[in-house]
Amino acid sequence: MDHAPTPTLCFLSGQTTTQDVRVLRQRYGYVTGTVRDAASQAVMPDVEVGGWWKSVETDKDGRYSSGPVTLLGTNQPTPFRHSCYHQGYWNVSTNITLNPDQTNIVDFELIKICTGANVLERWSTPPPSNRSRARGVWGGSGSSLTDANGHFALTSLTVGENNSPIALTLTASAAGFEDQSKTITIFCGANVRTEFGPTANGDWRYRRLRELTS
């Protein structure tokens, strides 16, 4: 139990001192809810849900319950960050406040992480002196070397948080030549086609990049 602040008592010889003490019953807050897949609305079992108090997992029906959560001293309203985690899905968090003897209902809808963005590229005919040297491109978490025809691909790239579009900087490199970079936008399910090549006058020090987005 929580106790009220302890008073300071003064005892005098031959006198009786009386002091009443009040105790405060400890009370708790509660959180419960259901976790679903945002796209299919199917309930999700075995999902971790929690905050500073502890974490629990959802049952086969996608439901979770915190049990009693200790509040701040003297049963004050207690704010905290309430979060939901599951492998392959974006994390979700929300701010809630627990009050004594009250149950907060907090449902979550989780968005599955999309890793389906692809960048399909072609390095147009390189100068003869470079045909036998390794040529490659990289961007984000992906990298690739060109094949014999100058083609290469970056596949299954992770897009922005909650599958939002995100800028991706591509860099092409070949031994003996300056790197060339280009920033493009990728999104869930995108197939972005780009081409690296020389400028109109054949100057490879300032290669250009043509971008075609499908």
N, C-alpha and C. Protein backbone atom coordinates (compact mmCIF):
# COMPACT_ATOMS: atom_id res chain seq x y z
N MET A 1 0.84 -1.20 0.00
CA MET A 1 0.00 0.00 0.00
C MET A 1 0.87 1.25 0.00
N ASP A 2 0.31 2.34 -0.63
CA ASP A 2 0.97 3.63 -0.53
C ASP A 2 0.57 4.28 0.79
N HIS A 3 1.49 4.99 1.41
CA HIS A 3 1.22 5.65 2.68
C HIS A 3 1.34 7.15 2.50
N ALA A 4 0.57 7.88 3.31
CA ALA A 4 0.71 9.33 3.34
C ALA A 4 2.07 9.68 3.94
N PRO A 5 2.59 10.89 3.67
CA PRO A 5 3.89 11.27 4.22
C PRO A 5 3.94 11.11 5.73
N THR A 6 5.03 10.61 6.25
CA THR A 6 5.17 10.37 7.70
C THR A 6 5.42 11.68 8.43
N PRO A 7 4.56 12.03 9.43
CA PRO A 7 4.76 13.29 10.15
C PRO A 7 5.92 13.18 11.14
N THR A 8 6.43 14.33 11.53
CA THR A 8 7.46 14.38 12.56
C THR A 8 6.80 14.57 13.92
N LEU A 9 7.07 13.68 14.85
CA LEU A 9 6.45 13.74 16.18
C LEU A 9 7.45 14.22 17.21
N CYS A 10 6.94 14.98 18.18
CA CYS A 10 7.78 15.47 19.28
C CYS A 10 7.24 14.90 20.59
N PHE A 11 8.06 14.16 21.29
CA PHE A 11 7.67 13.52 22.54
C PHE A 11 8.25 14.30 23.72
N LEU A 12 7.38 14.60 24.71
CA LEU A 12 7.81 15.30 25.91
C LEU A 12 7.63 14.38 27.11
N SER A 13 8.54 14.48 28.02
CA SER A 13 8.50 13.64 29.21
C SER A 13 7.22 13.85 29.98
N GLY A 14 6.54 12.75 30.32
CA GLY A 14 5.34 12.81 31.14
C GLY A 14 4.08 13.13 30.36
N GLN A 15 4.17 13.28 29.02
CA GLN A 15 3.00 13.59 28.21
C GLN A 15 2.74 12.48 27.20
N THR A 16 1.47 12.36 26.82
CA THR A 16 1.09 11.39 25.79
C THR A 16 0.79 12.13 24.49
N THR A 17 1.43 11.72 23.43
CA THR A 17 1.22 12.34 22.11
C THR A 17 0.37 11.41 21.25
N THR A 18 -0.69 11.96 20.68
CA THR A 18 -1.57 11.18 19.81
C THR A 18 -1.42 11.65 18.38
N GLN A 19 -1.24 10.71 17.45
CA GLN A 19 -1.12 11.06 16.04
C GLN A 19 -1.91 10.03 15.22
N ASP A 20 -2.91 10.51 14.50
CA ASP A 20 -3.67 9.63 13.61
C ASP A 20 -2.90 9.46 12.29
N VAL A 21 -2.93 8.28 11.74
CA VAL A 21 -2.25 7.98 10.48
C VAL A 21 -3.27 7.46 9.47
N ARG A 22 -3.31 8.06 8.33
CA ARG A 22 -4.19 7.62 7.27
C ARG A 22 -3.37 6.90 6.19
N VAL A 23 -3.88 5.79 5.76
CA VAL A 23 -3.20 5.05 4.69
C VAL A 23 -4.06 5.11 3.43
N LEU A 24 -3.40 5.13 2.30
CA LEU A 24 -4.07 5.23 1.00
C LEU A 24 -3.98 3.87 0.30
N ARG A 25 -5.13 3.34 -0.02
CA ARG A 25 -5.14 2.04 -0.71
C ARG A 25 -4.56 2.18 -2.11
N GLN A 26 -3.65 1.28 -2.46
CA GLN A 26 -3.05 1.32 -3.79
C GLN A 26 -4.07 0.87 -4.82
N ARG A 27 -4.19 1.65 -5.88
CA ARG A 27 -5.12 1.34 -6.95
C ARG A 27 -4.34 1.19 -8.26
N TYR A 28 -5.00 0.65 -9.27
CA TYR A 28 -4.30 0.29 -10.51
C TYR A 28 -5.09 0.76 -11.73
N GLY A 29 -4.36 0.86 -12.84
CA GLY A 29 -4.99 1.10 -14.13
C GLY A 29 -4.86 -0.16 -14.98
N TYR A 30 -5.63 -0.21 -16.07
CA TYR A 30 -5.66 -1.40 -16.92
C TYR A 30 -5.70 -0.99 -18.39
N VAL A 31 -5.14 -1.86 -19.24
CA VAL A 31 -5.19 -1.65 -20.69
C VAL A 31 -5.58 -2.96 -21.35
N THR A 32 -6.49 -2.87 -22.30
CA THR A 32 -6.88 -4.06 -23.06
C THR A 32 -7.19 -3.64 -24.49
N GLY A 33 -7.22 -4.59 -25.40
CA GLY A 33 -7.52 -4.26 -26.79
C GLY A 33 -7.32 -5.44 -27.71
N THR A 34 -7.45 -5.17 -29.01
CA THR A 34 -7.32 -6.20 -30.05
C THR A 34 -6.36 -5.70 -31.11
N VAL A 35 -5.54 -6.61 -31.65
CA VAL A 35 -4.59 -6.27 -32.71
C VAL A 35 -5.04 -6.95 -33.99
N ARG A 36 -5.10 -6.17 -35.09
CA ARG A 36 -5.51 -6.69 -36.38
C ARG A 36 -4.52 -6.30 -37.47
N ASP A 37 -4.54 -7.08 -38.55
CA ASP A 37 -3.81 -6.72 -39.76
C ASP A 37 -4.57 -5.58 -40.44
N ALA A 38 -3.88 -4.48 -40.74
CA ALA A 38 -4.56 -3.30 -41.28
C ALA A 38 -5.22 -3.57 -42.63
N ALA A 39 -4.62 -4.44 -43.44
CA ALA A 39 -5.16 -4.69 -44.78
C ALA A 39 -6.32 -5.68 -44.75
N SER A 40 -6.13 -6.82 -44.11
CA SER A 40 -7.13 -7.88 -44.13
C SER A 40 -8.13 -7.80 -42.98
N GLN A 41 -7.79 -7.04 -41.94
CA GLN A 41 -8.59 -6.95 -40.72
C GLN A 41 -8.63 -8.27 -39.93
N ALA A 42 -7.77 -9.21 -40.28
CA ALA A 42 -7.69 -10.46 -39.53
C ALA A 42 -7.04 -10.21 -38.19
N VAL A 43 -7.54 -10.89 -37.15
CA VAL A 43 -6.92 -10.75 -35.83
C VAL A 43 -5.53 -11.39 -35.87
N MET A 44 -4.62 -10.88 -35.03
CA MET A 44 -3.24 -11.31 -35.05
C MET A 44 -2.83 -11.87 -33.68
N PRO A 45 -2.61 -13.18 -33.57
CA PRO A 45 -2.12 -13.76 -32.32
C PRO A 45 -0.61 -13.57 -32.17
N ASP A 46 -0.13 -13.74 -30.94
CA ASP A 46 1.31 -13.74 -30.64
C ASP A 46 2.00 -12.43 -30.98
N VAL A 47 1.28 -11.33 -30.88
CA VAL A 47 1.86 -10.00 -31.09
C VAL A 47 2.24 -9.41 -29.74
N GLU A 48 3.41 -8.78 -29.67
CA GLU A 48 3.87 -8.19 -28.41
C GLU A 48 3.30 -6.79 -28.25
N VAL A 49 2.68 -6.56 -27.09
CA VAL A 49 2.09 -5.27 -26.76
C VAL A 49 2.58 -4.88 -25.38
N GLY A 50 2.96 -3.60 -25.20
CA GLY A 50 3.41 -3.23 -23.86
C GLY A 50 3.85 -1.79 -23.75
N GLY A 51 4.36 -1.48 -22.56
CA GLY A 51 4.86 -0.15 -22.25
C GLY A 51 5.89 -0.27 -21.14
N TRP A 52 6.04 0.80 -20.36
CA TRP A 52 7.04 0.77 -19.29
C TRP A 52 6.70 -0.26 -18.23
N TRP A 53 5.42 -0.61 -18.11
CA TRP A 53 4.97 -1.52 -17.06
C TRP A 53 5.46 -2.93 -17.33
N LYS A 54 5.20 -3.48 -18.51
CA LYS A 54 5.62 -4.82 -18.90
C LYS A 54 5.12 -5.03 -20.32
N SER A 55 5.32 -6.22 -20.87
CA SER A 55 4.75 -6.53 -22.17
C SER A 55 4.03 -7.87 -22.09
N VAL A 56 3.02 -8.00 -22.94
CA VAL A 56 2.24 -9.24 -23.01
C VAL A 56 2.07 -9.58 -24.49
N GLU A 57 1.57 -10.77 -24.77
CA GLU A 57 1.29 -11.18 -26.14
C GLU A 57 -0.20 -11.39 -26.34
N THR A 58 -0.65 -11.13 -27.56
CA THR A 58 -2.05 -11.35 -27.87
C THR A 58 -2.37 -12.85 -27.90
N ASP A 59 -3.63 -13.18 -27.61
CA ASP A 59 -4.06 -14.57 -27.64
C ASP A 59 -4.50 -14.95 -29.06
N LYS A 60 -5.11 -16.11 -29.20
CA LYS A 60 -5.48 -16.60 -30.53
C LYS A 60 -6.53 -15.72 -31.19
N ASP A 61 -7.24 -14.93 -30.40
CA ASP A 61 -8.25 -14.02 -30.93
C ASP A 61 -7.72 -12.61 -31.13
N GLY A 62 -6.40 -12.46 -30.98
CA GLY A 62 -5.79 -11.15 -31.17
C GLY A 62 -5.98 -10.19 -30.01
N ARG A 63 -6.47 -10.67 -28.89
CA ARG A 63 -6.72 -9.80 -27.75
C ARG A 63 -5.57 -9.84 -26.74
N TYR A 64 -5.40 -8.74 -26.05
CA TYR A 64 -4.39 -8.67 -24.99
C TYR A 64 -4.99 -7.95 -23.79
N SER A 65 -4.40 -8.19 -22.63
CA SER A 65 -4.81 -7.51 -21.41
C SER A 65 -3.58 -7.30 -20.53
N SER A 66 -3.41 -6.09 -20.05
CA SER A 66 -2.22 -5.75 -19.28
C SER A 66 -2.23 -6.35 -17.88
N GLY A 67 -3.43 -6.60 -17.33
CA GLY A 67 -3.50 -6.89 -15.90
C GLY A 67 -3.32 -5.58 -15.15
N PRO A 68 -3.23 -5.60 -13.81
CA PRO A 68 -3.10 -4.36 -13.04
C PRO A 68 -1.75 -3.68 -13.28
N VAL A 69 -1.79 -2.40 -13.59
CA VAL A 69 -0.59 -1.60 -13.82
C VAL A 69 -0.44 -0.58 -12.69
N THR A 70 0.70 -0.58 -12.04
CA THR A 70 0.95 0.33 -10.92
C THR A 70 1.00 1.77 -11.40
N LEU A 71 0.31 2.65 -10.70
CA LEU A 71 0.28 4.06 -11.05
C LEU A 71 1.38 4.82 -10.30
N LEU A 72 1.51 6.09 -10.64
CA LEU A 72 2.46 6.93 -9.92
C LEU A 72 2.01 7.10 -8.47
N GLY A 73 2.88 7.67 -7.65
CA GLY A 73 2.60 7.81 -6.22
C GLY A 73 1.27 8.47 -5.94
N THR A 74 0.59 8.03 -4.90
CA THR A 74 -0.74 8.49 -4.48
C THR A 74 -1.78 8.31 -5.58
N ASN A 75 -1.56 7.28 -6.42
CA ASN A 75 -2.53 6.91 -7.45
C ASN A 75 -2.80 8.02 -8.46
N GLN A 76 -1.77 8.76 -8.80
CA GLN A 76 -1.94 9.84 -9.77
C GLN A 76 -2.16 9.27 -11.18
N PRO A 77 -2.83 10.03 -12.06
CA PRO A 77 -2.91 9.63 -13.47
C PRO A 77 -1.50 9.44 -14.03
N THR A 78 -1.33 8.36 -14.78
CA THR A 78 0.01 7.95 -15.19
C THR A 78 0.11 7.86 -16.71
N PRO A 79 0.80 8.82 -17.36
CA PRO A 79 0.95 8.77 -18.81
C PRO A 79 2.12 7.85 -19.19
N PHE A 80 1.99 7.17 -20.32
CA PHE A 80 3.11 6.41 -20.84
C PHE A 80 2.89 6.09 -22.30
N ARG A 81 3.95 5.59 -22.93
CA ARG A 81 3.94 5.23 -24.34
C ARG A 81 3.55 3.76 -24.46
N HIS A 82 2.50 3.51 -25.20
CA HIS A 82 1.95 2.16 -25.36
C HIS A 82 2.27 1.69 -26.79
N SER A 83 2.94 0.55 -26.92
CA SER A 83 3.48 0.15 -28.23
C SER A 83 3.09 -1.27 -28.60
N CYS A 84 3.19 -1.55 -29.90
CA CYS A 84 2.82 -2.85 -30.45
C CYS A 84 3.89 -3.25 -31.47
N TYR A 85 4.40 -4.48 -31.35
CA TYR A 85 5.50 -4.94 -32.20
C TYR A 85 5.19 -6.34 -32.75
N HIS A 86 5.56 -6.53 -34.02
CA HIS A 86 5.45 -7.88 -34.59
C HIS A 86 6.39 -7.97 -35.80
N GLN A 87 7.10 -9.07 -35.90
CA GLN A 87 8.06 -9.22 -36.98
C GLN A 87 7.36 -9.14 -38.34
N GLY A 88 7.96 -8.35 -39.23
CA GLY A 88 7.41 -8.19 -40.57
C GLY A 88 6.39 -7.08 -40.69
N TYR A 89 6.12 -6.38 -39.57
CA TYR A 89 5.15 -5.28 -39.57
C TYR A 89 5.81 -4.02 -39.00
N TRP A 90 5.27 -2.87 -39.39
CA TRP A 90 5.74 -1.62 -38.81
C TRP A 90 5.28 -1.52 -37.36
N ASN A 91 6.17 -1.04 -36.49
CA ASN A 91 5.81 -0.82 -35.09
C ASN A 91 4.80 0.33 -34.98
N VAL A 92 3.93 0.23 -34.00
CA VAL A 92 2.93 1.27 -33.76
C VAL A 92 2.98 1.66 -32.29
N SER A 93 2.95 2.96 -32.01
CA SER A 93 2.95 3.44 -30.63
C SER A 93 1.92 4.55 -30.47
N THR A 94 1.41 4.67 -29.27
CA THR A 94 0.46 5.74 -28.96
C THR A 94 0.63 6.15 -27.50
N ASN A 95 0.31 7.40 -27.19
CA ASN A 95 0.38 7.89 -25.82
C ASN A 95 -0.97 7.70 -25.13
N ILE A 96 -0.96 7.11 -23.96
CA ILE A 96 -2.19 6.96 -23.20
C ILE A 96 -1.93 7.38 -21.75
N THR A 97 -3.01 7.58 -21.01
CA THR A 97 -2.92 7.91 -19.59
C THR A 97 -3.78 6.94 -18.81
N LEU A 98 -3.16 6.29 -17.83
CA LEU A 98 -3.88 5.36 -16.97
C LEU A 98 -4.42 6.11 -15.76
N ASN A 99 -5.66 5.78 -15.41
CA ASN A 99 -6.30 6.35 -14.22
C ASN A 99 -6.72 5.22 -13.28
N PRO A 100 -6.80 5.50 -12.00
CA PRO A 100 -7.11 4.44 -11.04
C PRO A 100 -8.47 3.79 -11.31
N ASP A 101 -8.45 2.45 -11.28
CA ASP A 101 -9.67 1.65 -11.42
C ASP A 101 -10.37 1.85 -12.76
N GLN A 102 -9.63 2.28 -13.78
CA GLN A 102 -10.22 2.44 -15.10
C GLN A 102 -9.46 1.58 -16.12
N THR A 103 -10.19 1.14 -17.15
CA THR A 103 -9.60 0.33 -18.20
C THR A 103 -9.55 1.12 -19.51
N ASN A 104 -8.36 1.28 -20.07
CA ASN A 104 -8.20 1.90 -21.39
C ASN A 104 -8.33 0.82 -22.46
N ILE A 105 -9.17 1.06 -23.45
CA ILE A 105 -9.27 0.14 -24.59
C ILE A 105 -8.46 0.73 -25.74
N VAL A 106 -7.38 0.03 -26.10
CA VAL A 106 -6.49 0.51 -27.15
C VAL A 106 -6.32 -0.60 -28.18
N ASP A 107 -6.93 -0.43 -29.35
CA ASP A 107 -6.80 -1.38 -30.44
C ASP A 107 -5.69 -0.93 -31.38
N PHE A 108 -5.03 -1.90 -32.02
CA PHE A 108 -3.97 -1.60 -32.97
C PHE A 108 -4.28 -2.24 -34.31
N GLU A 109 -3.90 -1.55 -35.39
CA GLU A 109 -3.90 -2.12 -36.73
C GLU A 109 -2.48 -2.01 -37.27
N LEU A 110 -1.87 -3.15 -37.56
CA LEU A 110 -0.49 -3.18 -37.99
C LEU A 110 -0.40 -3.27 -39.52
N ILE A 111 0.54 -2.51 -40.08
CA ILE A 111 0.77 -2.49 -41.52
C ILE A 111 1.97 -3.37 -41.84
N LYS A 112 1.77 -4.32 -42.73
CA LYS A 112 2.86 -5.21 -43.11
C LYS A 112 3.92 -4.44 -43.89
N ILE A 113 5.19 -4.69 -43.55
CA ILE A 113 6.29 -3.99 -44.22
C ILE A 113 6.38 -4.45 -45.66
N CYS A 114 6.36 -3.49 -46.58
CA CYS A 114 6.48 -3.81 -48.00
C CYS A 114 7.95 -3.80 -48.39
N THR A 115 8.41 -4.88 -48.98
CA THR A 115 9.80 -4.94 -49.47
C THR A 115 9.79 -5.24 -50.96
N GLY A 116 8.75 -4.76 -51.64
CA GLY A 116 8.59 -5.12 -53.05
C GLY A 116 9.02 -4.08 -54.04
N ALA A 117 9.70 -3.02 -53.63
CA ALA A 117 10.15 -2.01 -54.59
C ALA A 117 11.40 -2.50 -55.30
N ASN A 118 11.44 -2.33 -56.60
CA ASN A 118 12.57 -2.78 -57.41
C ASN A 118 13.11 -1.64 -58.26
N VAL A 119 14.40 -1.62 -58.44
CA VAL A 119 15.04 -0.68 -59.36
C VAL A 119 15.75 -1.51 -60.42
N LEU A 120 15.29 -1.39 -61.65
CA LEU A 120 15.83 -2.15 -62.78
C LEU A 120 16.61 -1.18 -63.65
N GLU A 121 17.90 -1.51 -63.89
CA GLU A 121 18.75 -0.50 -64.50
C GLU A 121 19.60 -1.07 -65.64
N ARG A 122 20.07 -0.15 -66.46
CA ARG A 122 20.97 -0.52 -67.55
C ARG A 122 22.06 0.53 -67.66
N TRP A 123 23.28 0.04 -67.71
CA TRP A 123 24.42 0.92 -67.94
C TRP A 123 24.68 0.88 -69.43
N SER A 124 24.32 1.96 -70.13
CA SER A 124 24.45 1.97 -71.59
C SER A 124 25.91 1.80 -71.97
N THR A 125 26.14 1.41 -73.24
CA THR A 125 27.45 0.96 -73.72
C THR A 125 28.61 1.73 -73.12
N PRO A 126 29.41 1.08 -72.29
CA PRO A 126 30.54 1.76 -71.65
C PRO A 126 31.69 1.93 -72.65
N PRO A 127 32.63 2.77 -72.35
CA PRO A 127 33.78 2.95 -73.24
C PRO A 127 34.57 1.65 -73.35
N PRO A 128 35.16 1.37 -74.50
CA PRO A 128 35.88 0.11 -74.71
C PRO A 128 36.90 -0.20 -73.62
N SER A 129 37.59 0.82 -73.14
CA SER A 129 38.64 0.58 -72.16
C SER A 129 38.09 0.07 -70.83
N ASN A 130 36.77 0.17 -70.64
CA ASN A 130 36.20 -0.20 -69.35
C ASN A 130 35.39 -1.48 -69.41
N ARG A 131 35.26 -2.10 -70.56
CA ARG A 131 34.36 -3.23 -70.71
C ARG A 131 34.78 -4.44 -69.87
N SER A 132 36.07 -4.55 -69.58
CA SER A 132 36.53 -5.71 -68.82
C SER A 132 36.58 -5.44 -67.32
N ARG A 133 36.20 -4.24 -66.89
CA ARG A 133 36.28 -3.89 -65.48
C ARG A 133 34.91 -4.03 -64.81
N ALA A 134 34.93 -4.34 -63.53
CA ALA A 134 33.68 -4.49 -62.80
C ALA A 134 32.95 -3.16 -62.72
N ARG A 135 31.64 -3.19 -62.95
CA ARG A 135 30.81 -1.99 -62.86
C ARG A 135 29.63 -2.35 -61.96
N GLY A 136 29.22 -1.44 -61.13
CA GLY A 136 28.13 -1.74 -60.21
C GLY A 136 27.36 -0.52 -59.81
N VAL A 137 26.26 -0.76 -59.08
CA VAL A 137 25.43 0.31 -58.58
C VAL A 137 24.91 -0.11 -57.21
N TRP A 138 24.69 0.86 -56.36
CA TRP A 138 24.12 0.55 -55.06
C TRP A 138 23.20 1.68 -54.62
N GLY A 139 22.29 1.33 -53.75
CA GLY A 139 21.35 2.30 -53.21
C GLY A 139 20.58 1.67 -52.07
N GLY A 140 20.41 2.40 -50.98
CA GLY A 140 19.73 1.84 -49.82
C GLY A 140 20.48 0.63 -49.33
N SER A 141 19.78 -0.49 -49.15
CA SER A 141 20.41 -1.72 -48.67
C SER A 141 20.79 -2.65 -49.80
N GLY A 142 20.59 -2.22 -51.05
CA GLY A 142 20.84 -3.11 -52.18
C GLY A 142 22.07 -2.73 -52.98
N SER A 143 22.66 -3.71 -53.63
CA SER A 143 23.78 -3.45 -54.53
C SER A 143 23.80 -4.54 -55.59
N SER A 144 24.40 -4.23 -56.72
CA SER A 144 24.43 -5.20 -57.81
C SER A 144 25.57 -4.86 -58.77
N LEU A 145 26.14 -5.90 -59.39
CA LEU A 145 27.10 -5.74 -60.47
C LEU A 145 26.38 -5.93 -61.80
N THR A 146 26.88 -5.29 -62.82
CA THR A 146 26.26 -5.43 -64.13
C THR A 146 26.59 -6.80 -64.74
N ASP A 147 25.69 -7.24 -65.62
CA ASP A 147 25.98 -8.45 -66.38
C ASP A 147 26.72 -8.07 -67.66
N ALA A 148 26.86 -9.03 -68.57
CA ALA A 148 27.62 -8.79 -69.79
C ALA A 148 26.99 -7.73 -70.67
N ASN A 149 25.69 -7.50 -70.50
CA ASN A 149 24.99 -6.51 -71.33
C ASN A 149 24.78 -5.18 -70.60
N GLY A 150 25.39 -5.06 -69.44
CA GLY A 150 25.28 -3.80 -68.70
C GLY A 150 24.03 -3.68 -67.86
N HIS A 151 23.25 -4.77 -67.70
CA HIS A 151 22.02 -4.72 -66.91
C HIS A 151 22.29 -5.10 -65.45
N PHE A 152 21.57 -4.48 -64.54
CA PHE A 152 21.64 -4.86 -63.13
C PHE A 152 20.36 -4.43 -62.44
N ALA A 153 20.08 -5.03 -61.29
CA ALA A 153 18.81 -4.77 -60.61
C ALA A 153 19.00 -4.74 -59.10
N LEU A 154 18.27 -3.85 -58.45
CA LEU A 154 18.16 -3.82 -57.00
C LEU A 154 16.72 -4.22 -56.67
N THR A 155 16.55 -5.31 -55.95
CA THR A 155 15.20 -5.84 -55.72
C THR A 155 14.87 -5.89 -54.23
N SER A 156 13.58 -5.98 -53.96
CA SER A 156 13.05 -6.10 -52.60
C SER A 156 13.58 -5.01 -51.68
N LEU A 157 13.53 -3.77 -52.15
CA LEU A 157 14.00 -2.64 -51.35
C LEU A 157 12.90 -2.19 -50.39
N THR A 158 13.28 -1.92 -49.14
CA THR A 158 12.32 -1.44 -48.14
C THR A 158 11.98 0.02 -48.41
N VAL A 159 10.70 0.33 -48.39
CA VAL A 159 10.26 1.70 -48.64
C VAL A 159 10.17 2.45 -47.31
N GLY A 160 9.50 3.64 -47.32
CA GLY A 160 9.44 4.46 -46.12
C GLY A 160 8.54 3.88 -45.04
N GLU A 161 8.58 4.50 -43.87
CA GLU A 161 7.80 4.02 -42.74
C GLU A 161 6.32 3.95 -43.10
N ASN A 162 5.68 2.88 -42.67
CA ASN A 162 4.28 2.61 -43.01
C ASN A 162 4.06 2.57 -44.52
N ASN A 163 5.10 2.14 -45.23
CA ASN A 163 5.07 1.94 -46.68
C ASN A 163 4.90 3.24 -47.47
N SER A 164 5.30 4.35 -46.90
CA SER A 164 5.23 5.62 -47.61
C SER A 164 6.36 5.71 -48.64
N PRO A 165 6.19 6.52 -49.70
CA PRO A 165 7.27 6.72 -50.68
C PRO A 165 8.51 7.27 -49.99
N ILE A 166 9.67 6.93 -50.53
CA ILE A 166 10.92 7.38 -49.92
C ILE A 166 11.93 7.68 -51.03
N ALA A 167 12.77 8.67 -50.79
CA ALA A 167 13.82 9.01 -51.75
C ALA A 167 14.98 8.03 -51.60
N LEU A 168 15.51 7.59 -52.72
CA LEU A 168 16.62 6.63 -52.74
C LEU A 168 17.70 7.18 -53.65
N THR A 169 18.91 7.29 -53.14
CA THR A 169 20.04 7.75 -53.95
C THR A 169 20.79 6.56 -54.51
N LEU A 170 20.88 6.49 -55.84
CA LEU A 170 21.63 5.45 -56.52
C LEU A 170 23.00 5.98 -56.89
N THR A 171 24.00 5.15 -56.75
CA THR A 171 25.35 5.52 -57.15
C THR A 171 25.91 4.44 -58.05
N ALA A 172 26.39 4.85 -59.23
CA ALA A 172 27.01 3.92 -60.17
C ALA A 172 28.52 4.14 -60.13
N SER A 173 29.26 3.05 -60.20
CA SER A 173 30.71 3.14 -60.06
C SER A 173 31.39 2.18 -61.02
N ALA A 174 32.51 2.61 -61.55
CA ALA A 174 33.35 1.75 -62.39
C ALA A 174 34.80 2.15 -62.19
N ALA A 175 35.68 1.16 -62.21
CA ALA A 175 37.10 1.44 -61.99
C ALA A 175 37.62 2.40 -63.05
N GLY A 176 38.29 3.46 -62.62
CA GLY A 176 38.89 4.41 -63.54
C GLY A 176 37.98 5.55 -63.96
N PHE A 177 36.75 5.59 -63.42
CA PHE A 177 35.80 6.63 -63.80
C PHE A 177 35.17 7.22 -62.55
N GLU A 178 34.70 8.47 -62.70
CA GLU A 178 34.04 9.13 -61.58
C GLU A 178 32.69 8.45 -61.30
N ASP A 179 32.34 8.40 -60.00
CA ASP A 179 31.02 7.88 -59.65
C ASP A 179 29.94 8.83 -60.15
N GLN A 180 28.78 8.27 -60.39
CA GLN A 180 27.62 9.07 -60.78
C GLN A 180 26.47 8.71 -59.87
N SER A 181 25.75 9.71 -59.35
CA SER A 181 24.64 9.47 -58.44
C SER A 181 23.37 10.11 -58.96
N LYS A 182 22.25 9.53 -58.55
CA LYS A 182 20.94 10.03 -58.94
C LYS A 182 19.96 9.68 -57.83
N THR A 183 19.10 10.62 -57.46
CA THR A 183 18.07 10.36 -56.45
C THR A 183 16.73 10.12 -57.14
N ILE A 184 16.10 9.00 -56.79
CA ILE A 184 14.80 8.65 -57.34
C ILE A 184 13.84 8.40 -56.18
N THR A 185 12.58 8.20 -56.48
CA THR A 185 11.58 7.90 -55.46
C THR A 185 11.07 6.48 -55.66
N ILE A 186 11.08 5.68 -54.59
CA ILE A 186 10.52 4.34 -54.66
C ILE A 186 9.31 4.26 -53.75
N PHE A 187 8.41 3.34 -54.05
CA PHE A 187 7.20 3.14 -53.26
C PHE A 187 6.81 1.68 -53.36
N CYS A 188 5.85 1.28 -52.56
CA CYS A 188 5.47 -0.13 -52.48
C CYS A 188 5.01 -0.64 -53.84
N GLY A 189 5.66 -1.70 -54.32
CA GLY A 189 5.30 -2.30 -55.60
C GLY A 189 5.88 -1.60 -56.81
N ALA A 190 6.71 -0.59 -56.60
CA ALA A 190 7.25 0.17 -57.74
C ALA A 190 8.32 -0.62 -58.49
N ASN A 191 8.35 -0.43 -59.80
CA ASN A 191 9.45 -0.90 -60.64
C ASN A 191 10.01 0.33 -61.36
N VAL A 192 11.13 0.80 -60.89
CA VAL A 192 11.73 2.02 -61.43
C VAL A 192 12.86 1.63 -62.37
N ARG A 193 12.83 2.16 -63.59
CA ARG A 193 13.87 1.87 -64.58
C ARG A 193 14.74 3.10 -64.80
N THR A 194 16.01 2.89 -64.74
CA THR A 194 16.96 3.98 -64.94
C THR A 194 18.05 3.52 -65.90
N GLU A 195 18.75 4.50 -66.48
CA GLU A 195 19.84 4.18 -67.40
C GLU A 195 21.00 5.13 -67.17
N PHE A 196 22.18 4.56 -66.98
CA PHE A 196 23.40 5.36 -66.87
C PHE A 196 24.07 5.38 -68.23
N GLY A 197 24.59 6.52 -68.63
CA GLY A 197 25.27 6.58 -69.92
C GLY A 197 26.07 7.85 -70.07
N PRO A 198 26.83 8.00 -71.15
CA PRO A 198 27.66 9.19 -71.38
C PRO A 198 26.81 10.37 -71.80
N THR A 199 27.35 11.56 -71.72
CA THR A 199 26.69 12.75 -72.22
C THR A 199 26.69 12.70 -73.74
N ALA A 200 25.99 13.66 -74.35
CA ALA A 200 25.84 13.66 -75.80
C ALA A 200 27.18 13.68 -76.52
N ASN A 201 28.16 14.32 -75.94
CA ASN A 201 29.47 14.39 -76.60
C ASN A 201 30.39 13.25 -76.18
N GLY A 202 29.83 12.26 -75.45
CA GLY A 202 30.63 11.09 -75.09
C GLY A 202 31.54 11.30 -73.90
N ASP A 203 31.39 12.40 -73.19
CA ASP A 203 32.25 12.70 -72.05
C ASP A 203 31.76 11.93 -70.83
N TRP A 204 32.53 10.93 -70.36
CA TRP A 204 32.12 10.10 -69.22
C TRP A 204 32.43 10.75 -67.87
N ARG A 205 33.08 11.88 -67.87
CA ARG A 205 33.33 12.53 -66.59
C ARG A 205 32.04 13.14 -66.05
N TYR A 206 31.09 13.42 -66.94
CA TYR A 206 29.82 14.00 -66.52
C TYR A 206 28.68 13.20 -67.16
N ARG A 207 28.61 11.93 -66.78
CA ARG A 207 27.59 11.06 -67.35
C ARG A 207 26.20 11.51 -66.93
N ARG A 208 25.21 11.25 -67.75
CA ARG A 208 23.86 11.62 -67.43
C ARG A 208 23.06 10.35 -67.08
N LEU A 209 21.92 10.56 -66.48
CA LEU A 209 21.06 9.44 -66.08
C LEU A 209 19.65 9.75 -66.56
N ARG A 210 19.11 8.88 -67.37
CA ARG A 210 17.72 9.02 -67.81
C ARG A 210 16.85 8.11 -66.94
N GLU A 211 15.76 8.66 -66.49
CA GLU A 211 14.91 7.90 -65.58
C GLU A 211 13.54 7.68 -66.20
N LEU A 212 13.09 6.44 -66.20
CA LEU A 212 11.74 6.09 -66.66
C LEU A 212 11.08 5.34 -65.52
N THR A 213 9.96 5.82 -65.05
CA THR A 213 9.29 5.20 -63.91
C THR A 213 8.00 4.54 -64.38
N SER A 214 7.86 3.28 -64.00
CA SER A 214 6.62 2.56 -64.35
C SER A 214 5.82 2.30 -63.10
